[in-house]
Amino acid sequence: MDWFAAQPAPLQALMAGIFTWGVTALGAAGVFLAKRPSQKLLDIMLGFAGGVMIAASYWSLLAPAIEISEELGYPGWLPPLIGFLAGGGSLRLLDMVMPHLHPAMAETHPDGPPSTLRRTTLLVLAITLHNIPEGLAVGVAFGAIGMLPQATVAGAVALALGMGLQNFPEGLAVSMPLRREGLTRTRSFFYGQLSAIVEPVFAFLGALLVYIARPLLPYALAFDAGAMIFVVVEETVPESQASGNGDLATTGFLIGFAVMMVLDVALG
């Protein structure tokens, strides 16, 4: 930990992003199981992922954004408001211009503009698109270290750990539909883990951005919060509720929120 804490923030973020990518790959490896995991278990795990992301959006992103805004002399609500709406709006814009297919939409038309891409490609694009804010959130958390007392290595590590926990069911949630689409187990795993390759890239870029431009920090934190909440409402929660296991998925959501809250408060 001492060696890790001594590294530059962008390098810390890159390593944390590689960790979250690795957990996605671990989840995607579930496609090699002889028996497909039960849908109830998958829905609980997706609910858990949604809870983690909502908790992280507040405890790790919005609350620090408000504090930093006040320390920088801004109205405490203004940068978080701008960043939050910009984050959600950016994901909505990407949803509109990039064709993609959510795993729970297997029998419906793809979102976004008309496309001749294969269904498997559209499935991977959906998860890849929504992994971008997770990578940015991890990067911004590491980039904030040293800029204010509340931003610590332990807190950033807690966020990376939380993102990793919720990436496991996401990896499984993309590799299994790919398998159902007719891909081999190996190809399903490959594309499942590939959907998270953007996380270390955007983690590095997010840390680098706030590392060199401190006044952008509250906007960047809130931007990531808005983007992640968009993902939860647009994809994670509907996915978890789509198979008739709403009560179980909601229980998973509550547990995920509680786990992330404890991680952030205890370690942050």
C-alpha atoms as a PDB file:
ATOM      1  CA  MET A   1       0.000   0.000   0.000  1.00  0.00           C
ATOM      2  CA  ASP A   2       2.870   2.411   0.768  1.00  0.00           C
ATOM      3  CA  TRP A   3       4.344   1.806  -2.688  1.00  0.00           C
ATOM      4  CA  PHE A   4       0.943   2.341  -4.296  1.00  0.00           C
ATOM      5  CA  ALA A   5       0.311   5.553  -2.319  1.00  0.00           C
ATOM      6  CA  ALA A   6       3.633   6.975  -3.504  1.00  0.00           C
ATOM      7  CA  GLN A   7       2.729   6.684  -7.202  1.00  0.00           C
ATOM      8  CA  PRO A   8       1.374   9.611  -9.276  1.00  0.00           C
ATOM      9  CA  ALA A   9      -2.418   9.830  -9.294  1.00  0.00           C
ATOM     10  CA  PRO A  10      -2.821   8.978 -13.014  1.00  0.00           C
ATOM     11  CA  LEU A  11      -0.776   5.794 -12.522  1.00  0.00           C
ATOM     12  CA  GLN A  12      -2.809   4.867  -9.436  1.00  0.00           C
ATOM     13  CA  ALA A  13      -5.995   5.376 -11.439  1.00  0.00           C
ATOM     14  CA  LEU A  14      -4.694   3.262 -14.304  1.00  0.00           C
ATOM     15  CA  MET A  15      -3.906   0.382 -11.957  1.00  0.00           C
ATOM     16  CA  ALA A  16      -7.305   0.709 -10.277  1.00  0.00           C
ATOM     17  CA  GLY A  17      -8.956   0.692 -13.708  1.00  0.00           C
ATOM     18  CA  ILE A  18      -7.069  -2.470 -14.611  1.00  0.00           C
ATOM     19  CA  PHE A  19      -8.394  -4.009 -11.394  1.00  0.00           C
ATOM     20  CA  THR A  20     -12.027  -3.161 -12.243  1.00  0.00           C
ATOM     21  CA  TRP A  21     -11.487  -4.481 -15.769  1.00  0.00           C
ATOM     22  CA  GLY A  22     -10.078  -7.700 -14.297  1.00  0.00           C
ATOM     23  CA  VAL A  23     -13.153  -8.194 -12.108  1.00  0.00           C
ATOM     24  CA  THR A  24     -15.335  -7.751 -15.194  1.00  0.00           C
ATOM     25  CA  ALA A  25     -13.286 -10.456 -16.897  1.00  0.00           C
ATOM     26  CA  LEU A  26     -13.774 -12.682 -13.843  1.00  0.00           C
ATOM     27  CA  GLY A  27     -17.527 -12.211 -14.107  1.00  0.00           C
ATOM     28  CA  ALA A  28     -17.479 -12.842 -17.851  1.00  0.00           C
ATOM     29  CA  ALA A  29     -15.631 -16.116 -17.168  1.00  0.00           C
ATOM     30  CA  GLY A  30     -18.859 -17.404 -15.650  1.00  0.00           C
ATOM     31  CA  VAL A  31     -19.808 -18.348 -19.197  1.00  0.00           C
ATOM     32  CA  PHE A  32     -17.455 -21.333 -18.860  1.00  0.00           C
ATOM     33  CA  LEU A  33     -19.609 -22.820 -16.100  1.00  0.00           C
ATOM     34  CA  ALA A  34     -21.236 -26.075 -17.105  1.00  0.00           C
ATOM     35  CA  LYS A  35     -24.582 -24.788 -15.858  1.00  0.00           C
ATOM     36  CA  ARG A  36     -25.945 -21.328 -16.493  1.00  0.00           C
ATOM     37  CA  PRO A  37     -26.456 -19.333 -13.257  1.00  0.00           C
ATOM     38  CA  SER A  38     -30.086 -18.987 -12.270  1.00  0.00           C
ATOM     39  CA  GLN A  39     -31.916 -15.876 -13.456  1.00  0.00           C
ATOM     40  CA  LYS A  40     -32.810 -15.086  -9.845  1.00  0.00           C
ATOM     41  CA  LEU A  41     -29.131 -14.958  -8.921  1.00  0.00           C
ATOM     42  CA  LEU A  42     -28.325 -12.790 -11.935  1.00  0.00           C
ATOM     43  CA  ASP A  43     -31.106 -10.351 -11.024  1.00  0.00           C
ATOM     44  CA  ILE A  44     -29.925 -10.134  -7.407  1.00  0.00           C
ATOM     45  CA  MET A  45     -26.401  -9.415  -8.635  1.00  0.00           C
ATOM     46  CA  LEU A  46     -27.613  -6.747 -11.055  1.00  0.00           C
ATOM     47  CA  GLY A  47     -29.635  -5.156  -8.272  1.00  0.00           C
ATOM     48  CA  PHE A  48     -26.512  -5.226  -6.103  1.00  0.00           C
ATOM     49  CA  ALA A  49     -24.564  -3.490  -8.875  1.00  0.00           C
ATOM     50  CA  GLY A  50     -27.198  -0.760  -9.096  1.00  0.00           C
ATOM     51  CA  GLY A  51     -27.072  -0.195  -5.336  1.00  0.00           C
ATOM     52  CA  VAL A  52     -23.291   0.111  -5.385  1.00  0.00           C
ATOM     53  CA  MET A  53     -23.393   2.658  -8.197  1.00  0.00           C
ATOM     54  CA  ILE A  54     -26.084   4.822  -6.564  1.00  0.00           C
ATOM     55  CA  ALA A  55     -24.245   4.824  -3.219  1.00  0.00           C
ATOM     56  CA  ALA A  56     -20.945   5.650  -4.916  1.00  0.00           C
ATOM     57  CA  SER A  57     -22.628   8.459  -6.837  1.00  0.00           C
ATOM     58  CA  TYR A  58     -23.491  10.224  -3.604  1.00  0.00           C
ATOM     59  CA  TRP A  59     -20.899   9.216  -1.007  1.00  0.00           C
ATOM     60  CA  SER A  60     -17.861   9.211  -3.315  1.00  0.00           C
ATOM     61  CA  LEU A  61     -18.823  11.831  -5.898  1.00  0.00           C
ATOM     62  CA  LEU A  62     -21.659  14.284  -5.171  1.00  0.00           C
ATOM     63  CA  ALA A  63     -20.955  14.905  -1.476  1.00  0.00           C
ATOM     64  CA  PRO A  64     -17.239  15.657  -2.115  1.00  0.00           C
ATOM     65  CA  ALA A  65     -18.214  17.835  -5.096  1.00  0.00           C
ATOM     66  CA  ILE A  66     -20.369  20.005  -2.828  1.00  0.00           C
ATOM     67  CA  GLU A  67     -17.596  20.344  -0.227  1.00  0.00           C
ATOM     68  CA  ILE A  68     -14.938  21.165  -2.813  1.00  0.00           C
ATOM     69  CA  SER A  69     -17.191  23.740  -4.487  1.00  0.00           C
ATOM     70  CA  GLU A  70     -17.570  25.599  -1.203  1.00  0.00           C
ATOM     71  CA  GLU A  71     -13.821  25.437  -0.512  1.00  0.00           C
ATOM     72  CA  LEU A  72     -13.115  26.923  -3.953  1.00  0.00           C
ATOM     73  CA  GLY A  73     -15.513  29.789  -3.265  1.00  0.00           C
ATOM     74  CA  TYR A  74     -18.351  28.631  -5.532  1.00  0.00           C
ATOM     75  CA  PRO A  75     -21.961  28.253  -4.400  1.00  0.00           C
ATOM     76  CA  GLY A  76     -22.003  24.729  -2.996  1.00  0.00           C
ATOM     77  CA  TRP A  77     -24.817  23.614  -5.276  1.00  0.00           C
ATOM     78  CA  LEU A  78     -23.758  25.183  -8.599  1.00  0.00           C
ATOM     79  CA  PRO A  79     -20.812  23.066  -9.881  1.00  0.00           C
ATOM     80  CA  PRO A  80     -22.498  19.818  -8.740  1.00  0.00           C
ATOM     81  CA  LEU A  81     -25.696  20.816 -10.520  1.00  0.00           C
ATOM     82  CA  ILE A  82     -23.892  21.684 -13.763  1.00  0.00           C
ATOM     83  CA  GLY A  83     -21.693  18.597 -13.640  1.00  0.00           C
ATOM     84  CA  PHE A  84     -24.535  16.247 -12.717  1.00  0.00           C
ATOM     85  CA  LEU A  85     -26.793  17.366 -15.564  1.00  0.00           C
ATOM     86  CA  ALA A  86     -23.867  17.370 -18.005  1.00  0.00           C
ATOM     87  CA  GLY A  87     -22.975  13.802 -17.044  1.00  0.00           C
ATOM     88  CA  GLY A  88     -26.474  12.452 -17.457  1.00  0.00           C
ATOM     89  CA  GLY A  89     -27.012  14.484 -20.611  1.00  0.00           C
ATOM     90  CA  SER A  90     -23.775  13.214 -22.158  1.00  0.00           C
ATOM     91  CA  LEU A  91     -24.761   9.596 -21.625  1.00  0.00           C
ATOM     92  CA  ARG A  92     -28.189  10.306 -23.073  1.00  0.00           C
ATOM     93  CA  LEU A  93     -26.567  11.868 -26.127  1.00  0.00           C
ATOM     94  CA  LEU A  94     -24.284   8.855 -26.588  1.00  0.00           C
ATOM     95  CA  ASP A  95     -27.333   6.605 -26.245  1.00  0.00           C
ATOM     96  CA  MET A  96     -28.983   8.523 -29.070  1.00  0.00           C
ATOM     97  CA  VAL A  97     -26.066   8.510 -31.521  1.00  0.00           C
ATOM     98  CA  MET A  98     -24.546   5.070 -30.868  1.00  0.00           C
ATOM     99  CA  PRO A  99     -26.557   1.975 -31.860  1.00  0.00           C
ATOM    100  CA  HIS A 100     -26.651  -0.598 -29.060  1.00  0.00           C
ATOM    101  CA  LEU A 101     -28.801  -3.408 -27.699  1.00  0.00           C
ATOM    102  CA  HIS A 102     -29.417  -4.009 -24.011  1.00  0.00           C
ATOM    103  CA  PRO A 103     -29.258  -7.674 -22.905  1.00  0.00           C
ATOM    104  CA  ALA A 104     -32.881  -7.561 -21.662  1.00  0.00           C
ATOM    105  CA  MET A 105     -34.032  -6.246 -25.059  1.00  0.00           C
ATOM    106  CA  ALA A 106     -33.239  -9.438 -26.910  1.00  0.00           C
ATOM    107  CA  GLU A 107     -36.525  -9.445 -28.839  1.00  0.00           C
ATOM    108  CA  THR A 108     -36.802  -5.693 -29.512  1.00  0.00           C
ATOM    109  CA  HIS A 109     -35.206  -3.160 -31.816  1.00  0.00           C
ATOM    110  CA  PRO A 110     -31.832  -1.659 -30.871  1.00  0.00           C
ATOM    111  CA  ASP A 111     -31.570   1.731 -29.214  1.00  0.00           C
ATOM    112  CA  GLY A 112     -30.025   4.590 -31.147  1.00  0.00           C
ATOM    113  CA  PRO A 113     -29.916   5.065 -34.917  1.00  0.00           C
ATOM    114  CA  PRO A 114     -30.646   2.213 -37.334  1.00  0.00           C
ATOM    115  CA  SER A 115     -27.667  -0.085 -37.756  1.00  0.00           C
ATOM    116  CA  THR A 116     -26.571  -3.105 -39.746  1.00  0.00           C
ATOM    117  CA  LEU A 117     -24.176  -4.218 -37.010  1.00  0.00           C
ATOM    118  CA  ARG A 118     -24.572  -7.738 -35.658  1.00  0.00           C
ATOM    119  CA  ARG A 119     -26.675  -8.179 -32.528  1.00  0.00           C
ATOM    120  CA  THR A 120     -23.647  -9.429 -30.607  1.00  0.00           C
ATOM    121  CA  THR A 121     -21.765  -6.230 -31.453  1.00  0.00           C
ATOM    122  CA  LEU A 122     -24.723  -4.129 -30.336  1.00  0.00           C
ATOM    123  CA  LEU A 123     -24.836  -5.984 -27.009  1.00  0.00           C
ATOM    124  CA  VAL A 124     -21.146  -5.313 -26.351  1.00  0.00           C
ATOM    125  CA  LEU A 125     -21.501  -1.657 -27.354  1.00  0.00           C
ATOM    126  CA  ALA A 126     -24.252  -1.159 -24.753  1.00  0.00           C
ATOM    127  CA  ILE A 127     -22.085  -2.380 -21.865  1.00  0.00           C
ATOM    128  CA  THR A 128     -18.971  -0.622 -23.171  1.00  0.00           C
ATOM    129  CA  LEU A 129     -20.833   2.673 -23.381  1.00  0.00           C
ATOM    130  CA  HIS A 130     -21.997   2.390 -19.797  1.00  0.00           C
ATOM    131  CA  ASN A 131     -18.582   1.396 -18.442  1.00  0.00           C
ATOM    132  CA  ILE A 132     -17.120   4.785 -19.395  1.00  0.00           C
ATOM    133  CA  PRO A 133     -18.495   6.724 -16.380  1.00  0.00           C
ATOM    134  CA  GLU A 134     -17.292   4.009 -14.008  1.00  0.00           C
ATOM    135  CA  GLY A 135     -13.745   4.401 -15.273  1.00  0.00           C
ATOM    136  CA  LEU A 136     -13.996   8.185 -15.062  1.00  0.00           C
ATOM    137  CA  ALA A 137     -15.320   8.003 -11.494  1.00  0.00           C
ATOM    138  CA  VAL A 138     -12.354   5.929 -10.358  1.00  0.00           C
ATOM    139  CA  GLY A 139      -9.917   8.224 -12.143  1.00  0.00           C
ATOM    140  CA  VAL A 140     -11.370  11.415 -10.718  1.00  0.00           C
ATOM    141  CA  ALA A 141     -11.297   9.935  -7.198  1.00  0.00           C
ATOM    142  CA  PHE A 142      -7.569   9.279  -7.498  1.00  0.00           C
ATOM    143  CA  GLY A 143      -6.924  12.611  -9.177  1.00  0.00           C
ATOM    144  CA  ALA A 144      -8.512  14.380  -6.197  1.00  0.00           C
ATOM    145  CA  ILE A 145      -6.002  12.931  -3.715  1.00  0.00           C
ATOM    146  CA  GLY A 146      -3.926  15.690  -2.153  1.00  0.00           C
ATOM    147  CA  MET A 147      -6.237  18.435  -3.374  1.00  0.00           C
ATOM    148  CA  LEU A 148      -8.450  18.362  -0.301  1.00  0.00           C
ATOM    149  CA  PRO A 149      -8.317  16.649   3.101  1.00  0.00           C
ATOM    150  CA  GLN A 150     -11.346  14.446   2.385  1.00  0.00           C
ATOM    151  CA  ALA A 151      -9.733  12.850  -0.687  1.00  0.00           C
ATOM    152  CA  THR A 152      -7.525   9.994   0.453  1.00  0.00           C
ATOM    153  CA  VAL A 153      -5.932   6.969  -1.138  1.00  0.00           C
ATOM    154  CA  ALA A 154      -8.108   4.739   1.054  1.00  0.00           C
ATOM    155  CA  GLY A 155     -11.254   6.501  -0.135  1.00  0.00           C
ATOM    156  CA  ALA A 156     -10.277   6.162  -3.802  1.00  0.00           C
ATOM    157  CA  VAL A 157      -9.394   2.506  -3.244  1.00  0.00           C
ATOM    158  CA  ALA A 158     -12.805   1.986  -1.619  1.00  0.00           C
ATOM    159  CA  LEU A 159     -14.493   3.409  -4.714  1.00  0.00           C
ATOM    160  CA  ALA A 160     -12.396   1.193  -7.004  1.00  0.00           C
ATOM    161  CA  LEU A 161     -13.287  -1.818  -4.849  1.00  0.00           C
ATOM    162  CA  GLY A 162     -16.973  -0.940  -5.049  1.00  0.00           C
ATOM    163  CA  MET A 163     -16.801  -0.546  -8.819  1.00  0.00           C
ATOM    164  CA  GLY A 164     -15.032  -3.883  -9.010  1.00  0.00           C
ATOM    165  CA  LEU A 165     -17.743  -5.592  -6.952  1.00  0.00           C
ATOM    166  CA  GLN A 166     -20.480  -4.351  -9.247  1.00  0.00           C
ATOM    167  CA  ASN A 167     -18.458  -5.157 -12.378  1.00  0.00           C
ATOM    168  CA  PHE A 168     -18.596  -8.878 -11.627  1.00  0.00           C
ATOM    169  CA  PRO A 169     -22.317  -9.238 -12.383  1.00  0.00           C
ATOM    170  CA  GLU A 170     -21.961  -6.864 -15.330  1.00  0.00           C
ATOM    171  CA  GLY A 171     -19.366  -9.146 -16.914  1.00  0.00           C
ATOM    172  CA  LEU A 172     -21.662 -12.112 -16.443  1.00  0.00           C
ATOM    173  CA  ALA A 173     -24.646 -10.129 -17.698  1.00  0.00           C
ATOM    174  CA  VAL A 174     -22.982  -9.508 -21.057  1.00  0.00           C
ATOM    175  CA  SER A 175     -21.201 -12.842 -21.629  1.00  0.00           C
ATOM    176  CA  MET A 176     -24.321 -14.949 -21.005  1.00  0.00           C
ATOM    177  CA  PRO A 177     -26.509 -13.169 -23.605  1.00  0.00           C
ATOM    178  CA  LEU A 178     -23.652 -13.440 -26.092  1.00  0.00           C
ATOM    179  CA  ARG A 179     -23.575 -17.172 -25.469  1.00  0.00           C
ATOM    180  CA  ARG A 180     -27.334 -17.338 -26.072  1.00  0.00           C
ATOM    181  CA  GLU A 181     -26.785 -15.484 -29.337  1.00  0.00           C
ATOM    182  CA  GLY A 182     -24.721 -18.450 -30.542  1.00  0.00           C
ATOM    183  CA  LEU A 183     -21.139 -17.419 -29.807  1.00  0.00           C
ATOM    184  CA  THR A 184     -18.733 -19.974 -28.398  1.00  0.00           C
ATOM    185  CA  ARG A 185     -17.891 -19.777 -24.702  1.00  0.00           C
ATOM    186  CA  THR A 186     -14.427 -18.437 -25.523  1.00  0.00           C
ATOM    187  CA  ARG A 187     -15.738 -15.673 -27.781  1.00  0.00           C
ATOM    188  CA  SER A 188     -18.481 -14.812 -25.289  1.00  0.00           C
ATOM    189  CA  PHE A 189     -15.856 -14.428 -22.572  1.00  0.00           C
ATOM    190  CA  PHE A 190     -13.573 -12.405 -24.833  1.00  0.00           C
ATOM    191  CA  TYR A 191     -16.237  -9.886 -25.786  1.00  0.00           C
ATOM    192  CA  GLY A 192     -17.627  -9.819 -22.249  1.00  0.00           C
ATOM    193  CA  GLN A 193     -14.321  -8.739 -20.737  1.00  0.00           C
ATOM    194  CA  LEU A 194     -13.586  -6.470 -23.694  1.00  0.00           C
ATOM    195  CA  SER A 195     -16.609  -4.361 -22.793  1.00  0.00           C
ATOM    196  CA  ALA A 196     -14.681  -3.060 -19.755  1.00  0.00           C
ATOM    197  CA  ILE A 197     -11.413  -2.243 -21.526  1.00  0.00           C
ATOM    198  CA  VAL A 198     -12.514   1.405 -21.532  1.00  0.00           C
ATOM    199  CA  GLU A 199     -12.339   1.544 -17.723  1.00  0.00           C
ATOM    200  CA  PRO A 200      -8.540   1.738 -17.267  1.00  0.00           C
ATOM    201  CA  VAL A 201      -8.326   4.142 -20.223  1.00  0.00           C
ATOM    202  CA  PHE A 202     -10.920   6.556 -18.844  1.00  0.00           C
ATOM    203  CA  ALA A 203      -9.661   6.118 -15.284  1.00  0.00           C
ATOM    204  CA  PHE A 204      -6.252   7.363 -16.428  1.00  0.00           C
ATOM    205  CA  LEU A 205      -7.768  10.237 -18.411  1.00  0.00           C
ATOM    206  CA  GLY A 206     -10.057  11.263 -15.547  1.00  0.00           C
ATOM    207  CA  ALA A 207      -7.195  11.359 -13.042  1.00  0.00           C
ATOM    208  CA  LEU A 208      -4.980  13.256 -15.462  1.00  0.00           C
ATOM    209  CA  LEU A 209      -7.681  15.849 -16.094  1.00  0.00           C
ATOM    210  CA  VAL A 210      -8.257  16.797 -12.459  1.00  0.00           C
ATOM    211  CA  TYR A 211      -4.568  16.343 -11.633  1.00  0.00           C
ATOM    212  CA  ILE A 212      -3.694  19.250 -13.911  1.00  0.00           C
ATOM    213  CA  ALA A 213      -6.858  21.348 -13.488  1.00  0.00           C
ATOM    214  CA  ARG A 214      -8.027  21.516  -9.848  1.00  0.00           C
ATOM    215  CA  PRO A 215     -10.970  23.927 -10.469  1.00  0.00           C
ATOM    216  CA  LEU A 216     -12.558  21.247 -12.677  1.00  0.00           C
ATOM    217  CA  LEU A 217     -12.694  18.743  -9.817  1.00  0.00           C
ATOM    218  CA  PRO A 218     -16.220  19.425  -8.472  1.00  0.00           C
ATOM    219  CA  TYR A 219     -17.622  19.473 -12.004  1.00  0.00           C
ATOM    220  CA  ALA A 220     -15.837  16.208 -12.853  1.00  0.00           C
ATOM    221  CA  LEU A 221     -17.055  14.460  -9.680  1.00  0.00           C
ATOM    222  CA  ALA A 222     -20.657  15.503 -10.308  1.00  0.00           C
ATOM    223  CA  PHE A 223     -20.378  14.653 -14.022  1.00  0.00           C
ATOM    224  CA  ASP A 224     -19.472  11.069 -13.128  1.00  0.00           C
ATOM    225  CA  ALA A 225     -22.323  10.905 -10.614  1.00  0.00           C
ATOM    226  CA  GLY A 226     -24.853  12.029 -13.226  1.00  0.00           C
ATOM    227  CA  ALA A 227     -23.506   9.571 -15.779  1.00  0.00           C
ATOM    228  CA  MET A 228     -23.585   6.646 -13.365  1.00  0.00           C
ATOM    229  CA  ILE A 229     -27.107   7.386 -12.162  1.00  0.00           C
ATOM    230  CA  PHE A 230     -28.207   7.548 -15.803  1.00  0.00           C
ATOM    231  CA  VAL A 231     -26.730   4.070 -16.303  1.00  0.00           C
ATOM    232  CA  VAL A 232     -28.506   2.690 -13.232  1.00  0.00           C
ATOM    233  CA  VAL A 233     -31.908   4.078 -14.241  1.00  0.00           C
ATOM    234  CA  GLU A 234     -31.507   3.366 -17.960  1.00  0.00           C
ATOM    235  CA  GLU A 235     -30.049  -0.105 -17.758  1.00  0.00           C
ATOM    236  CA  THR A 236     -29.113  -1.764 -14.463  1.00  0.00           C
ATOM    237  CA  VAL A 237     -32.419  -1.503 -12.581  1.00  0.00           C
ATOM    238  CA  PRO A 238     -34.643  -2.303 -15.620  1.00  0.00           C
ATOM    239  CA  GLU A 239     -32.413  -5.302 -16.415  1.00  0.00           C
ATOM    240  CA  SER A 240     -32.734  -6.603 -12.860  1.00  0.00           C
ATOM    241  CA  GLN A 241     -36.538  -6.245 -12.907  1.00  0.00           C
ATOM    242  CA  ALA A 242     -37.174  -7.616 -16.390  1.00  0.00           C
ATOM    243  CA  SER A 243     -37.524 -11.307 -15.466  1.00  0.00           C
ATOM    244  CA  GLY A 244     -40.122 -11.046 -12.719  1.00  0.00           C
ATOM    245  CA  ASN A 245     -37.691 -11.150  -9.797  1.00  0.00           C
ATOM    246  CA  GLY A 246     -38.310  -7.584  -8.677  1.00  0.00           C
ATOM    247  CA  ASP A 247     -38.336  -8.235  -4.917  1.00  0.00           C
ATOM    248  CA  LEU A 248     -35.075 -10.163  -5.021  1.00  0.00           C
ATOM    249  CA  ALA A 249     -33.451  -7.556  -7.251  1.00  0.00           C
ATOM    250  CA  THR A 250     -34.559  -4.782  -4.903  1.00  0.00           C
ATOM    251  CA  THR A 251     -33.072  -6.664  -1.957  1.00  0.00           C
ATOM    252  CA  GLY A 252     -29.822  -6.958  -3.868  1.00  0.00           C
ATOM    253  CA  PHE A 253     -29.968  -3.226  -4.576  1.00  0.00           C
ATOM    254  CA  LEU A 254     -30.332  -2.400  -0.871  1.00  0.00           C
ATOM    255  CA  ILE A 255     -27.438  -4.686   0.052  1.00  0.00           C
ATOM    256  CA  GLY A 256     -25.243  -3.164  -2.654  1.00  0.00           C
ATOM    257  CA  PHE A 257     -26.029   0.361  -1.468  1.00  0.00           C
ATOM    258  CA  ALA A 258     -25.256  -0.586   2.131  1.00  0.00           C
ATOM    259  CA  VAL A 259     -21.967  -2.276   1.221  1.00  0.00           C
ATOM    260  CA  MET A 260     -20.747   0.703  -0.812  1.00  0.00           C
ATOM    261  CA  MET A 261     -21.811   3.151   1.890  1.00  0.00           C
ATOM    262  CA  VAL A 262     -19.872   1.211   4.516  1.00  0.00           C
ATOM    263  CA  LEU A 263     -16.817   0.944   2.275  1.00  0.00           C
ATOM    264  CA  ASP A 264     -16.799   4.658   1.569  1.00  0.00           C
ATOM    265  CA  VAL A 265     -17.454   5.838   5.126  1.00  0.00           C
ATOM    266  CA  ALA A 266     -15.171   3.297   6.800  1.00  0.00           C
ATOM    267  CA  LEU A 267     -12.238   3.622   4.397  1.00  0.00           C
ATOM    268  CA  GLY A 268     -12.798   7.139   3.086  1.00  0.00           C
END
